[in-house]
């Protein structure tokens, strides 16, 4: 069970699935806990946090950059506009835009800035 703790001594909100999206639907008796229960939750959290370890293997493996996307990544990193990049790469702006989408999908991102950062993290730049 997941709790949202508001104040070290006073309130804990259990995040039940039906109430998580609509906090107003949370019954009032479920919204508060005795101070000792809240303090116990806080101590348990701190104890587990202090003894925790980094989880290995959560980062997706660095796949190789598909060869048709290398020029697109280079154009993005150069800061070219879509029209200029498309012209330099000899493709239509629509095709270039589609390739940018393919690149962002390969990197698991939804923004061009984040795509550049992720490409750098993977060692593609």
PDB file of N, CA and C in Angstrom:
ATOM      1  N   UNK A   1       0.849  -1.175   0.000  1.00  0.00           N
ATOM      2  CA  UNK A   1       0.000   0.000   0.000  1.00  0.00           C
ATOM      3  C   UNK A   1       0.889   1.230   0.000  1.00  0.00           C
ATOM      4  N   UNK A   2       0.482   2.247  -0.697  1.00  0.00           N
ATOM      5  CA  UNK A   2       1.222   3.499  -0.797  1.00  0.00           C
ATOM      6  C   UNK A   2       0.489   4.542   0.029  1.00  0.00           C
ATOM      7  N   UNK A   3       1.251   5.347   0.771  1.00  0.00           N
ATOM      8  CA  UNK A   3       0.683   6.408   1.592  1.00  0.00           C
ATOM      9  C   UNK A   3       1.260   7.741   1.177  1.00  0.00           C
ATOM     10  N   UNK A   4       0.462   8.765   1.253  1.00  0.00           N
ATOM     11  CA  UNK A   4       0.944  10.130   1.143  1.00  0.00           C
ATOM     12  C   UNK A   4       0.923  10.683   2.553  1.00  0.00           C
ATOM     13  N   UNK A   5       2.067  11.113   3.050  1.00  0.00           N
ATOM     14  CA  UNK A   5       2.163  11.594   4.424  1.00  0.00           C
ATOM     15  C   UNK A   5       2.204  13.110   4.402  1.00  0.00           C
ATOM     16  N   UNK A   6       1.268  13.716   5.111  1.00  0.00           N
ATOM     17  CA  UNK A   6       1.183  15.180   5.202  1.00  0.00           C
ATOM     18  C   UNK A   6       1.492  15.565   6.636  1.00  0.00           C
ATOM     19  N   UNK A   7       2.668  16.036   6.867  1.00  0.00           N
ATOM     20  CA  UNK A   7       3.050  16.372   8.233  1.00  0.00           C
ATOM     21  C   UNK A   7       3.620  15.139   8.903  1.00  0.00           C
ATOM     22  N   UNK A   8       4.681  15.309   9.619  1.00  0.00           N
ATOM     23  CA  UNK A   8       5.369  14.193  10.246  1.00  0.00           C
ATOM     24  C   UNK A   8       4.527  13.526  11.327  1.00  0.00           C
ATOM     25  N   UNK A   9       3.592  14.226  11.928  1.00  0.00           N
ATOM     26  CA  UNK A   9       2.897  13.678  13.071  1.00  0.00           C
ATOM     27  C   UNK A   9       1.388  13.500  12.892  1.00  0.00           C
ATOM     28  N   UNK A  10       0.804  13.995  11.809  1.00  0.00           N
ATOM     29  CA  UNK A  10      -0.641  14.072  11.867  1.00  0.00           C
ATOM     30  C   UNK A  10      -1.433  13.249  10.865  1.00  0.00           C
ATOM     31  N   UNK A  11      -1.076  13.205   9.607  1.00  0.00           N
ATOM     32  CA  UNK A  11      -1.997  12.661   8.627  1.00  0.00           C
ATOM     33  C   UNK A  11      -1.290  11.760   7.623  1.00  0.00           C
ATOM     34  N   UNK A  12      -1.921  10.651   7.309  1.00  0.00           N
ATOM     35  CA  UNK A  12      -1.459   9.761   6.249  1.00  0.00           C
ATOM     36  C   UNK A  12      -2.658   9.434   5.378  1.00  0.00           C
ATOM     37  N   UNK A  13      -2.477   9.568   4.076  1.00  0.00           N
ATOM     38  CA  UNK A  13      -3.556   9.276   3.136  1.00  0.00           C
ATOM     39  C   UNK A  13      -3.227   7.987   2.397  1.00  0.00           C
ATOM     40  N   UNK A  14      -3.947   6.909   2.675  1.00  0.00           N
ATOM     41  CA  UNK A  14      -3.712   5.700   1.873  1.00  0.00           C
ATOM     42  C   UNK A  14      -4.172   5.956   0.447  1.00  0.00           C
ATOM     43  N   UNK A  15      -3.369   5.554  -0.499  1.00  0.00           N
ATOM     44  CA  UNK A  15      -3.712   5.799  -1.898  1.00  0.00           C
ATOM     45  C   UNK A  15      -4.309   4.534  -2.490  1.00  0.00           C
ATOM     46  N   UNK A  16      -5.545   4.270  -2.164  1.00  0.00           N
ATOM     47  CA  UNK A  16      -6.265   3.145  -2.737  1.00  0.00           C
ATOM     48  C   UNK A  16      -6.514   3.448  -4.200  1.00  0.00           C
ATOM     49  N   UNK A  17      -6.509   2.436  -5.017  1.00  0.00           N
ATOM     50  CA  UNK A  17      -6.682   2.631  -6.461  1.00  0.00           C
ATOM     51  C   UNK A  17      -7.916   3.455  -6.814  1.00  0.00           C
ATOM     52  N   UNK A  18      -9.113   3.156  -6.244  1.00  0.00           N
ATOM     53  CA  UNK A  18     -10.264   3.948  -6.678  1.00  0.00           C
ATOM     54  C   UNK A  18     -10.210   5.400  -6.224  1.00  0.00           C
ATOM     55  N   UNK A  19      -9.422   5.696  -5.191  1.00  0.00           N
ATOM     56  CA  UNK A  19      -9.377   7.048  -4.660  1.00  0.00           C
ATOM     57  C   UNK A  19      -8.175   7.832  -5.167  1.00  0.00           C
ATOM     58  N   UNK A  20      -7.196   7.133  -5.763  1.00  0.00           N
ATOM     59  CA  UNK A  20      -5.958   7.795  -6.175  1.00  0.00           C
ATOM     60  C   UNK A  20      -6.221   8.897  -7.198  1.00  0.00           C
ATOM     61  N   UNK A  21      -7.132   8.653  -8.141  1.00  0.00           N
ATOM     62  CA  UNK A  21      -7.410   9.657  -9.169  1.00  0.00           C
ATOM     63  C   UNK A  21      -8.364  10.742  -8.690  1.00  0.00           C
ATOM     64  N   UNK A  22      -9.090  10.463  -7.610  1.00  0.00           N
ATOM     65  CA  UNK A  22     -10.074  11.426  -7.120  1.00  0.00           C
ATOM     66  C   UNK A  22      -9.974  11.518  -5.603  1.00  0.00           C
ATOM     67  N   UNK A  23      -9.027  12.330  -5.078  1.00  0.00           N
ATOM     68  CA  UNK A  23      -8.852  12.429  -3.637  1.00  0.00           C
ATOM     69  C   UNK A  23     -10.117  12.876  -2.914  1.00  0.00           C
ATOM     70  N   UNK A  24     -10.992  13.604  -3.603  1.00  0.00           N
ATOM     71  CA  UNK A  24     -12.220  14.051  -2.946  1.00  0.00           C
ATOM     72  C   UNK A  24     -13.108  12.869  -2.580  1.00  0.00           C
ATOM     73  N   UNK A  25     -12.908  11.725  -3.243  1.00  0.00           N
ATOM     74  CA  UNK A  25     -13.728  10.550  -2.968  1.00  0.00           C
ATOM     75  C   UNK A  25     -13.211   9.751  -1.774  1.00  0.00           C
ATOM     76  N   UNK A  26     -12.069  10.152  -1.220  1.00  0.00           N
ATOM     77  CA  UNK A  26     -11.479   9.427  -0.092  1.00  0.00           C
ATOM     78  C   UNK A  26     -12.348   9.571   1.141  1.00  0.00           C
ATOM     79  N   UNK A  27     -12.781   8.464   1.744  1.00  0.00           N
ATOM     80  CA  UNK A  27     -13.588   8.582   2.961  1.00  0.00           C
ATOM     81  C   UNK A  27     -12.798   9.260   4.073  1.00  0.00           C
ATOM     82  N   UNK A  28     -13.453  10.060   4.867  1.00  0.00           N
ATOM     83  CA  UNK A  28     -12.771  10.845   5.906  1.00  0.00           C
ATOM     84  C   UNK A  28     -12.066   9.958   6.915  1.00  0.00           C
ATOM     85  N   UNK A  29     -12.646   8.797   7.231  1.00  0.00           N
ATOM     86  CA  UNK A  29     -11.982   7.936   8.212  1.00  0.00           C
ATOM     87  C   UNK A  29     -10.689   7.332   7.665  1.00  0.00           C
ATOM     88  N   UNK A  30     -10.541   7.269   6.332  1.00  0.00           N
ATOM     89  CA  UNK A  30      -9.314   6.755   5.743  1.00  0.00           C
ATOM     90  C   UNK A  30      -8.273   7.847   5.565  1.00  0.00           C
ATOM     91  N   UNK A  31      -8.663   9.086   5.796  1.00  0.00           N
ATOM     92  CA  UNK A  31      -7.771  10.201   5.523  1.00  0.00           C
ATOM     93  C   UNK A  31      -6.827  10.517   6.663  1.00  0.00           C
ATOM     94  N   UNK A  32      -7.108  10.055   7.858  1.00  0.00           N
ATOM     95  CA  UNK A  32      -6.227  10.376   8.976  1.00  0.00           C
ATOM     96  C   UNK A  32      -5.847   9.101   9.712  1.00  0.00           C
ATOM     97  N   UNK A  33      -4.740   9.159  10.371  1.00  0.00           N
ATOM     98  CA  UNK A  33      -4.257   8.049  11.184  1.00  0.00           C
ATOM     99  C   UNK A  33      -3.751   8.619  12.493  1.00  0.00           C
ATOM    100  N   UNK A  34      -3.732   7.795  13.550  1.00  0.00           N
ATOM    101  CA  UNK A  34      -3.181   8.291  14.820  1.00  0.00           C
ATOM    102  C   UNK A  34      -1.726   8.712  14.626  1.00  0.00           C
ATOM    103  N   UNK A  35      -1.276   9.720  15.390  1.00  0.00           N
ATOM    104  CA  UNK A  35       0.102  10.205  15.225  1.00  0.00           C
ATOM    105  C   UNK A  35       1.144   9.101  15.339  1.00  0.00           C
ATOM    106  N   UNK A  36       0.934   8.142  16.210  1.00  0.00           N
ATOM    107  CA  UNK A  36       1.933   7.075  16.348  1.00  0.00           C
ATOM    108  C   UNK A  36       2.001   6.227  15.079  1.00  0.00           C
ATOM    109  N   UNK A  37       0.878   6.019  14.418  1.00  0.00           N
ATOM    110  CA  UNK A  37       0.886   5.250  13.177  1.00  0.00           C
ATOM    111  C   UNK A  37       1.623   6.012  12.085  1.00  0.00           C
ATOM    112  N   UNK A  38       1.392   7.312  12.009  1.00  0.00           N
ATOM    113  CA  UNK A  38       2.073   8.126  11.000  1.00  0.00           C
ATOM    114  C   UNK A  38       3.576   8.146  11.277  1.00  0.00           C
ATOM    115  N   UNK A  39       3.956   8.297  12.533  1.00  0.00           N
ATOM    116  CA  UNK A  39       5.376   8.304  12.881  1.00  0.00           C
ATOM    117  C   UNK A  39       6.015   6.957  12.548  1.00  0.00           C
ATOM    118  N   UNK A  40       5.279   5.875  12.747  1.00  0.00           N
ATOM    119  CA  UNK A  40       5.808   4.548  12.411  1.00  0.00           C
ATOM    120  C   UNK A  40       6.022   4.423  10.899  1.00  0.00           C
ATOM    121  N   UNK A  41       5.089   4.965  10.121  1.00  0.00           N
ATOM    122  CA  UNK A  41       5.256   4.948   8.663  1.00  0.00           C
ATOM    123  C   UNK A  41       6.474   5.760   8.239  1.00  0.00           C
ATOM    124  N   UNK A  42       6.665   6.908   8.851  1.00  0.00           N
ATOM    125  CA  UNK A  42       7.816   7.749   8.522  1.00  0.00           C
ATOM    126  C   UNK A  42       9.110   7.035   8.881  1.00  0.00           C
ATOM    127  N   UNK A  43       9.168   6.418  10.065  1.00  0.00           N
ATOM    128  CA  UNK A  43      10.380   5.681  10.472  1.00  0.00           C
ATOM    129  C   UNK A  43      10.644   4.508   9.537  1.00  0.00           C
ATOM    130  N   UNK A  44       9.596   3.798   9.146  1.00  0.00           N
ATOM    131  CA  UNK A  44       9.772   2.661   8.232  1.00  0.00           C
ATOM    132  C   UNK A  44      10.305   3.138   6.883  1.00  0.00           C
ATOM    133  N   UNK A  45       9.779   4.269   6.413  1.00  0.00           N
ATOM    134  CA  UNK A  45      10.271   4.815   5.146  1.00  0.00           C
ATOM    135  C   UNK A  45      11.747   5.186   5.248  1.00  0.00           C
ATOM    136  N   UNK A  46      12.122   5.892   6.301  1.00  0.00           N
ATOM    137  CA  UNK A  46      13.520   6.304   6.466  1.00  0.00           C
ATOM    138  C   UNK A  46      14.434   5.091   6.582  1.00  0.00           C
ATOM    139  N   UNK A  47      14.001   4.067   7.297  1.00  0.00           N
ATOM    140  CA  UNK A  47      14.827   2.867   7.453  1.00  0.00           C
ATOM    141  C   UNK A  47      15.022   2.168   6.112  1.00  0.00           C
ATOM    142  N   UNK A  48      13.961   2.026   5.348  1.00  0.00           N
ATOM    143  CA  UNK A  48      14.113   1.355   4.056  1.00  0.00           C
ATOM    144  C   UNK A  48      14.915   2.217   3.081  1.00  0.00           C
ATOM    145  N   UNK A  49      14.746   3.534   3.159  1.00  0.00           N
ATOM    146  CA  UNK A  49      15.509   4.424   2.282  1.00  0.00           C
ATOM    147  C   UNK A  49      16.997   4.360   2.611  1.00  0.00           C
ATOM    148  N   UNK A  50      17.322   4.374   3.913  1.00  0.00           N
ATOM    149  CA  UNK A  50      18.725   4.368   4.334  1.00  0.00           C
ATOM    150  C   UNK A  50      19.438   3.067   3.972  1.00  0.00           C
ATOM    151  N   UNK A  51      18.710   1.965   3.912  1.00  0.00           N
ATOM    152  CA  UNK A  51      19.340   0.674   3.619  1.00  0.00           C
ATOM    153  C   UNK A  51      19.149   0.253   2.164  1.00  0.00           C
ATOM    154  N   UNK A  52      18.558   1.117   1.359  1.00  0.00           N
ATOM    155  CA  UNK A  52      18.282   0.746  -0.024  1.00  0.00           C
ATOM    156  C   UNK A  52      19.550   0.766  -0.864  1.00  0.00           C
ATOM    157  N   UNK A  53      19.465   0.110  -2.006  1.00  0.00           N
ATOM    158  CA  UNK A  53      20.565   0.067  -2.954  1.00  0.00           C
ATOM    159  C   UNK A  53      20.026   0.457  -4.316  1.00  0.00           C
ATOM    160  N   UNK A  54      20.926   0.930  -5.182  1.00  0.00           N
ATOM    161  CA  UNK A  54      20.537   1.255  -6.549  1.00  0.00           C
ATOM    162  C   UNK A  54      20.070  -0.022  -7.230  1.00  0.00           C
ATOM    163  N   UNK A  55      18.994   0.093  -7.979  1.00  0.00           N
ATOM    164  CA  UNK A  55      18.507  -1.040  -8.746  1.00  0.00           C
ATOM    165  C   UNK A  55      19.277  -1.120 -10.052  1.00  0.00           C
ATOM    166  N   UNK A  56      19.824  -2.270 -10.322  1.00  0.00           N
ATOM    167  CA  UNK A  56      20.585  -2.454 -11.550  1.00  0.00           C
ATOM    168  C   UNK A  56      19.651  -2.898 -12.665  1.00  0.00           C
ATOM    169  N   UNK A  57      20.003  -2.565 -13.857  1.00  0.00           N
ATOM    170  CA  UNK A  57      19.272  -3.056 -15.012  1.00  0.00           C
ATOM    171  C   UNK A  57      18.018  -2.288 -15.360  1.00  0.00           C
ATOM    172  N   UNK A  58      17.761  -1.138 -14.745  1.00  0.00           N
ATOM    173  CA  UNK A  58      16.575  -0.378 -15.073  1.00  0.00           C
ATOM    174  C   UNK A  58      16.754   0.452 -16.340  1.00  0.00           C
ATOM    175  N   UNK A  59      17.986   0.747 -16.685  1.00  0.00           N
ATOM    176  CA  UNK A  59      18.253   1.523 -17.888  1.00  0.00           C
ATOM    177  C   UNK A  59      18.180   0.590 -19.088  1.00  0.00           C
ATOM    178  N   UNK A  60      17.408   0.947 -20.113  1.00  0.00           N
ATOM    179  CA  UNK A  60      17.342   0.068 -21.279  1.00  0.00           C
ATOM    180  C   UNK A  60      18.714  -0.078 -21.917  1.00  0.00           C
ATOM    181  N   UNK A  61      19.003  -1.234 -22.454  1.00  0.00           N
ATOM    182  CA  UNK A  61      20.312  -1.413 -23.077  1.00  0.00           C
ATOM    183  C   UNK A  61      20.496  -0.447 -24.237  1.00  0.00           C
ATOM    184  N   UNK A  62      21.709   0.041 -24.363  1.00  0.00           N
ATOM    185  CA  UNK A  62      22.013   1.011 -25.427  1.00  0.00           C
ATOM    186  C   UNK A  62      22.087   0.268 -26.754  1.00  0.00           C
ATOM    187  N   UNK A  63      21.022   0.382 -27.529  1.00  0.00           N
ATOM    188  CA  UNK A  63      21.030  -0.204 -28.868  1.00  0.00           C
ATOM    189  C   UNK A  63      21.829   0.710 -29.781  1.00  0.00           C
ATOM    190  N   UNK A  64      22.231   0.150 -30.869  1.00  0.00           N
ATOM    191  CA  UNK A  64      22.934   0.956 -31.858  1.00  0.00           C
ATOM    192  C   UNK A  64      21.942   1.857 -32.568  1.00  0.00           C
ATOM    193  N   UNK A  65      22.408   3.007 -32.956  1.00  0.00           N
ATOM    194  CA  UNK A  65      21.593   3.953 -33.704  1.00  0.00           C
ATOM    195  C   UNK A  65      21.392   3.419 -35.124  1.00  0.00           C
ATOM    196  N   UNK A  66      20.137   3.271 -35.578  1.00  0.00           N
ATOM    197  CA  UNK A  66      19.917   2.834 -36.968  1.00  0.00           C
ATOM    198  C   UNK A  66      20.616   3.788 -37.933  1.00  0.00           C
ATOM    199  N   UNK A  67      21.255   3.231 -38.941  1.00  0.00           N
ATOM    200  CA  UNK A  67      22.103   4.043 -39.837  1.00  0.00           C
ATOM    201  C   UNK A  67      21.332   5.156 -40.540  1.00  0.00           C
ATOM    202  N   UNK A  68      20.046   4.937 -40.875  1.00  0.00           N
ATOM    203  CA  UNK A  68      19.291   5.982 -41.566  1.00  0.00           C
ATOM    204  C   UNK A  68      18.957   7.147 -40.644  1.00  0.00           C
ATOM    205  N   UNK A  69      19.118   6.961 -39.323  1.00  0.00           N
ATOM    206  CA  UNK A  69      18.802   8.031 -38.381  1.00  0.00           C
ATOM    207  C   UNK A  69      20.022   8.852 -37.959  1.00  0.00           C
ATOM    208  N   UNK A  70      21.232   8.389 -38.281  1.00  0.00           N
ATOM    209  CA  UNK A  70      22.447   9.132 -37.923  1.00  0.00           C
ATOM    210  C   UNK A  70      22.448  10.537 -38.510  1.00  0.00           C
ATOM    211  N   UNK A  71      22.144  10.717 -39.813  1.00  0.00           N
ATOM    212  CA  UNK A  71      22.139  12.082 -40.352  1.00  0.00           C
ATOM    213  C   UNK A  71      21.066  12.962 -39.698  1.00  0.00           C
ATOM    214  N   UNK A  72      19.952  12.360 -39.318  1.00  0.00           N
ATOM    215  CA  UNK A  72      18.885  13.112 -38.662  1.00  0.00           C
ATOM    216  C   UNK A  72      19.360  13.591 -37.294  1.00  0.00           C
ATOM    217  N   UNK A  73      20.005  12.709 -36.552  1.00  0.00           N
ATOM    218  CA  UNK A  73      20.543  13.098 -35.244  1.00  0.00           C
ATOM    219  C   UNK A  73      21.585  14.198 -35.402  1.00  0.00           C
ATOM    220  N   UNK A  74      22.450  14.068 -36.380  1.00  0.00           N
ATOM    221  CA  UNK A  74      23.472  15.103 -36.621  1.00  0.00           C
ATOM    222  C   UNK A  74      22.833  16.448 -36.947  1.00  0.00           C
ATOM    223  N   UNK A  75      21.758  16.423 -37.761  1.00  0.00           N
ATOM    224  CA  UNK A  75      21.068  17.672 -38.108  1.00  0.00           C
ATOM    225  C   UNK A  75      20.413  18.296 -36.879  1.00  0.00           C
ATOM    226  N   UNK A  76      19.823  17.458 -36.022  1.00  0.00           N
ATOM    227  CA  UNK A  76      19.219  17.978 -34.792  1.00  0.00           C
ATOM    228  C   UNK A  76      20.280  18.613 -33.902  1.00  0.00           C
ATOM    229  N   UNK A  77      21.397  17.923 -33.760  1.00  0.00           N
ATOM    230  CA  UNK A  77      22.471  18.438 -32.904  1.00  0.00           C
ATOM    231  C   UNK A  77      23.079  19.721 -33.461  1.00  0.00           C
ATOM    232  N   UNK A  78      23.034  19.885 -34.790  1.00  0.00           N
ATOM    233  CA  UNK A  78      23.554  21.105 -35.411  1.00  0.00           C
ATOM    234  C   UNK A  78      22.585  22.270 -35.261  1.00  0.00           C
ATOM    235  N   UNK A  79      21.362  21.980 -34.813  1.00  0.00           N
ATOM    236  CA  UNK A  79      20.381  23.041 -34.607  1.00  0.00           C
ATOM    237  C   UNK A  79      19.731  23.537 -35.885  1.00  0.00           C
ATOM    238  N   UNK A  80      19.760  22.719 -36.931  1.00  0.00           N
ATOM    239  CA  UNK A  80      19.160  23.123 -38.193  1.00  0.00           C
ATOM    240  C   UNK A  80      17.639  23.114 -38.103  1.00  0.00           C
ATOM    241  N   UNK A  81      17.004  23.996 -38.850  1.00  0.00           N
ATOM    242  CA  UNK A  81      15.545  23.949 -38.934  1.00  0.00           C
ATOM    243  C   UNK A  81      15.167  22.696 -39.720  1.00  0.00           C
ATOM    244  N   UNK A  82      13.925  22.274 -39.595  1.00  0.00           N
ATOM    245  CA  UNK A  82      13.471  21.090 -40.325  1.00  0.00           C
ATOM    246  C   UNK A  82      13.635  21.270 -41.830  1.00  0.00           C
ATOM    247  N   UNK A  83      13.292  22.455 -42.329  1.00  0.00           N
ATOM    248  CA  UNK A  83      13.380  22.706 -43.762  1.00  0.00           C
ATOM    249  C   UNK A  83      14.827  22.630 -44.253  1.00  0.00           C
ATOM    250  N   UNK A  84      15.734  23.251 -43.514  1.00  0.00           N
ATOM    251  CA  UNK A  84      17.149  23.238 -43.893  1.00  0.00           C
ATOM    252  C   UNK A  84      17.718  21.831 -43.806  1.00  0.00           C
ATOM    253  N   UNK A  85      17.416  21.130 -42.728  1.00  0.00           N
ATOM    254  CA  UNK A  85      17.925  19.765 -42.556  1.00  0.00           C
ATOM    255  C   UNK A  85      17.402  18.859 -43.661  1.00  0.00           C
ATOM    256  N   UNK A  86      16.114  18.978 -43.973  1.00  0.00           N
ATOM    257  CA  UNK A  86      15.533  18.142 -45.026  1.00  0.00           C
ATOM    258  C   UNK A  86      16.217  18.406 -46.360  1.00  0.00           C
ATOM    259  N   UNK A  87      16.449  19.690 -46.678  1.00  0.00           N
ATOM    260  CA  UNK A  87      17.106  20.044 -47.942  1.00  0.00           C
ATOM    261  C   UNK A  87      18.524  19.493 -47.992  1.00  0.00           C
ATOM    262  N   UNK A  88      19.264  19.612 -46.896  1.00  0.00           N
ATOM    263  CA  UNK A  88      20.641  19.109 -46.869  1.00  0.00           C
ATOM    264  C   UNK A  88      20.703  17.591 -46.975  1.00  0.00           C
ATOM    265  N   UNK A  89      19.689  16.928 -46.437  1.00  0.00           N
ATOM    266  CA  UNK A  89      19.677  15.466 -46.473  1.00  0.00           C
ATOM    267  C   UNK A  89      18.992  14.923 -47.724  1.00  0.00           C
ATOM    268  N   UNK A  90      18.464  15.816 -48.568  1.00  0.00           N
ATOM    269  CA  UNK A  90      17.842  15.388 -49.814  1.00  0.00           C
ATOM    270  C   UNK A  90      16.527  14.658 -49.625  1.00  0.00           C
ATOM    271  N   UNK A  91      15.753  15.109 -48.650  1.00  0.00           N
ATOM    272  CA  UNK A  91      14.440  14.494 -48.418  1.00  0.00           C
ATOM    273  C   UNK A  91      13.418  15.589 -48.210  1.00  0.00           C
ATOM    274  N   UNK A  92      12.162  15.218 -48.301  1.00  0.00           N
ATOM    275  CA  UNK A  92      11.103  16.201 -48.095  1.00  0.00           C
ATOM    276  C   UNK A  92      11.009  16.544 -46.605  1.00  0.00           C
ATOM    277  N   UNK A  93      10.499  17.732 -46.297  1.00  0.00           N
ATOM    278  CA  UNK A  93      10.316  18.081 -44.882  1.00  0.00           C
ATOM    279  C   UNK A  93       9.435  17.077 -44.137  1.00  0.00           C
ATOM    280  N   UNK A  94       8.454  16.524 -44.828  1.00  0.00           N
ATOM    281  CA  UNK A  94       7.583  15.522 -44.188  1.00  0.00           C
ATOM    282  C   UNK A  94       8.364  14.250 -43.830  1.00  0.00           C
ATOM    283  N   UNK A  95       9.201  13.795 -44.747  1.00  0.00           N
ATOM    284  CA  UNK A  95      10.024  12.609 -44.478  1.00  0.00           C
ATOM    285  C   UNK A  95      10.995  12.892 -43.341  1.00  0.00           C
ATOM    286  N   UNK A  96      11.591  14.073 -43.352  1.00  0.00           N
ATOM    287  CA  UNK A  96      12.509  14.442 -42.271  1.00  0.00           C
ATOM    288  C   UNK A  96      11.778  14.444 -40.929  1.00  0.00           C
ATOM    289  N   UNK A  97      10.605  15.024 -40.904  1.00  0.00           N
ATOM    290  CA  UNK A  97       9.822  15.062 -39.671  1.00  0.00           C
ATOM    291  C   UNK A  97       9.491  13.649 -39.192  1.00  0.00           C
ATOM    292  N   UNK A  98       9.160  12.775 -40.139  1.00  0.00           N
ATOM    293  CA  UNK A  98       8.878  11.385 -39.771  1.00  0.00           C
ATOM    294  C   UNK A  98      10.129  10.715 -39.200  1.00  0.00           C
ATOM    295  N   UNK A  99      11.271  10.973 -39.792  1.00  0.00           N
ATOM    296  CA  UNK A  99      12.526  10.392 -39.296  1.00  0.00           C
ATOM    297  C   UNK A  99      12.874  10.922 -37.903  1.00  0.00           C
ATOM    298  N   UNK A 100      12.591  12.195 -37.655  1.00  0.00           N
ATOM    299  CA  UNK A 100      12.800  12.742 -36.313  1.00  0.00           C
ATOM    300  C   UNK A 100      11.920  11.981 -35.325  1.00  0.00           C
ATOM    301  N   UNK A 101      10.682  11.710 -35.712  1.00  0.00           N
ATOM    302  CA  UNK A 101       9.789  10.924 -34.858  1.00  0.00           C
ATOM    303  C   UNK A 101      10.328   9.534 -34.612  1.00  0.00           C
ATOM    304  N   UNK A 102      10.876   8.898 -35.642  1.00  0.00           N
ATOM    305  CA  UNK A 102      11.485   7.570 -35.488  1.00  0.00           C
ATOM    306  C   UNK A 102      12.671   7.624 -34.524  1.00  0.00           C
ATOM    307  N   UNK A 103      13.474   8.679 -34.647  1.00  0.00           N
ATOM    308  CA  UNK A 103      14.623   8.849 -33.764  1.00  0.00           C
ATOM    309  C   UNK A 103      14.174   9.002 -32.313  1.00  0.00           C
ATOM    310  N   UNK A 104      13.178   9.851 -32.097  1.00  0.00           N
ATOM    311  CA  UNK A 104      12.695  10.055 -30.728  1.00  0.00           C
ATOM    312  C   UNK A 104      12.080   8.770 -30.180  1.00  0.00           C
ATOM    313  N   UNK A 105      11.395   7.998 -31.018  1.00  0.00           N
ATOM    314  CA  UNK A 105      10.843   6.717 -30.569  1.00  0.00           C
ATOM    315  C   UNK A 105      11.965   5.745 -30.215  1.00  0.00           C
ATOM    316  N   UNK A 106      13.022   5.718 -31.037  1.00  0.00           N
ATOM    317  CA  UNK A 106      14.164   4.836 -30.750  1.00  0.00           C
ATOM    318  C   UNK A 106      14.838   5.210 -29.441  1.00  0.00           C
ATOM    319  N   UNK A 107      14.802   6.503 -29.112  1.00  0.00           N
ATOM    320  CA  UNK A 107      15.419   6.982 -27.875  1.00  0.00           C
ATOM    321  C   UNK A 107      14.448   6.965 -26.695  1.00  0.00           C
ATOM    322  N   UNK A 108      13.173   6.719 -26.973  1.00  0.00           N
ATOM    323  CA  UNK A 108      12.182   6.695 -25.896  1.00  0.00           C
ATOM    324  C   UNK A 108      11.879   8.067 -25.335  1.00  0.00           C
ATOM    325  N   UNK A 109      11.907   9.087 -26.188  1.00  0.00           N
ATOM    326  CA  UNK A 109      11.666  10.458 -25.747  1.00  0.00           C
ATOM    327  C   UNK A 109      10.515  11.076 -26.531  1.00  0.00           C
ATOM    328  N   UNK A 110      10.036  12.196 -26.025  1.00  0.00           N
ATOM    329  CA  UNK A 110       8.960  12.906 -26.719  1.00  0.00           C
ATOM    330  C   UNK A 110       9.346  14.336 -27.070  1.00  0.00           C
ATOM    331  N   UNK A 111      10.575  14.726 -26.767  1.00  0.00           N
ATOM    332  CA  UNK A 111      11.017  16.070 -27.136  1.00  0.00           C
ATOM    333  C   UNK A 111      12.387  15.982 -27.801  1.00  0.00           C
ATOM    334  N   UNK A 112      12.648  16.935 -28.640  1.00  0.00           N
ATOM    335  CA  UNK A 112      13.931  16.965 -29.341  1.00  0.00           C
ATOM    336  C   UNK A 112      15.084  17.211 -28.383  1.00  0.00           C
ATOM    337  N   UNK A 113      14.871  18.068 -27.399  1.00  0.00           N
ATOM    338  CA  UNK A 113      15.926  18.341 -26.419  1.00  0.00           C
ATOM    339  C   UNK A 113      16.287  17.061 -25.675  1.00  0.00           C
ATOM    340  N   UNK A 114      15.254  16.366 -25.206  1.00  0.00           N
ATOM    341  CA  UNK A 114      15.486  15.133 -24.453  1.00  0.00           C
ATOM    342  C   UNK A 114      16.138  14.080 -25.346  1.00  0.00           C
ATOM    343  N   UNK A 115      15.790  14.070 -26.640  1.00  0.00           N
ATOM    344  CA  UNK A 115      16.412  13.125 -27.566  1.00  0.00           C
ATOM    345  C   UNK A 115      17.922  13.362 -27.638  1.00  0.00           C
ATOM    346  N   UNK A 116      18.324  14.642 -27.696  1.00  0.00           N
ATOM    347  CA  UNK A 116      19.756  14.951 -27.706  1.00  0.00           C
ATOM    348  C   UNK A 116      20.451  14.512 -26.433  1.00  0.00           C
ATOM    349  N   UNK A 117      19.803  14.755 -25.320  1.00  0.00           N
ATOM    350  CA  UNK A 117      20.386  14.348 -24.035  1.00  0.00           C
ATOM    351  C   UNK A 117      20.494  12.831 -23.943  1.00  0.00           C
ATOM    352  N   UNK A 118      19.467  12.127 -24.390  1.00  0.00           N
ATOM    353  CA  UNK A 118      19.478  10.664 -24.344  1.00  0.00           C
ATOM    354  C   UNK A 118      20.508  10.089 -25.301  1.00  0.00           C
ATOM    355  N   UNK A 119      20.643  10.694 -26.476  1.00  0.00           N
ATOM    356  CA  UNK A 119      21.667  10.241 -27.418  1.00  0.00           C
ATOM    357  C   UNK A 119      23.064  10.407 -26.826  1.00  0.00           C
ATOM    358  N   UNK A 120      23.285  11.516 -26.138  1.00  0.00           N
ATOM    359  CA  UNK A 120      24.579  11.737 -25.482  1.00  0.00           C
ATOM    360  C   UNK A 120      24.789  10.716 -24.374  1.00  0.00           C
ATOM    361  N   UNK A 121      23.738  10.440 -23.598  1.00  0.00           N
ATOM    362  CA  UNK A 121      23.854   9.463 -22.510  1.00  0.00           C
ATOM    363  C   UNK A 121      24.218   8.076 -23.051  1.00  0.00           C
ATOM    364  N   UNK A 122      23.680   7.741 -24.215  1.00  0.00           N
ATOM    365  CA  UNK A 122      23.967   6.441 -24.815  1.00  0.00           C
ATOM    366  C   UNK A 122      25.295   6.406 -25.568  1.00  0.00           C
ATOM    367  N   UNK A 123      25.952   7.555 -25.672  1.00  0.00           N
ATOM    368  CA  UNK A 123      27.236   7.600 -26.365  1.00  0.00           C
ATOM    369  C   UNK A 123      27.108   7.672 -27.869  1.00  0.00           C
ATOM    370  N   UNK A 124      25.969   8.122 -28.355  1.00  0.00           N
ATOM    371  CA  UNK A 124      25.753   8.218 -29.795  1.00  0.00           C
ATOM    372  C   UNK A 124      26.306   9.515 -30.358  1.00  0.00           C
ATOM    373  N   UNK A 125      26.709  10.441 -29.513  1.00  0.00           N
ATOM    374  CA  UNK A 125      27.249  11.707 -29.994  1.00  0.00           C
ATOM    375  C   UNK A 125      28.628  11.911 -29.412  1.00  0.00           C
TER     376      UNK A 125
END
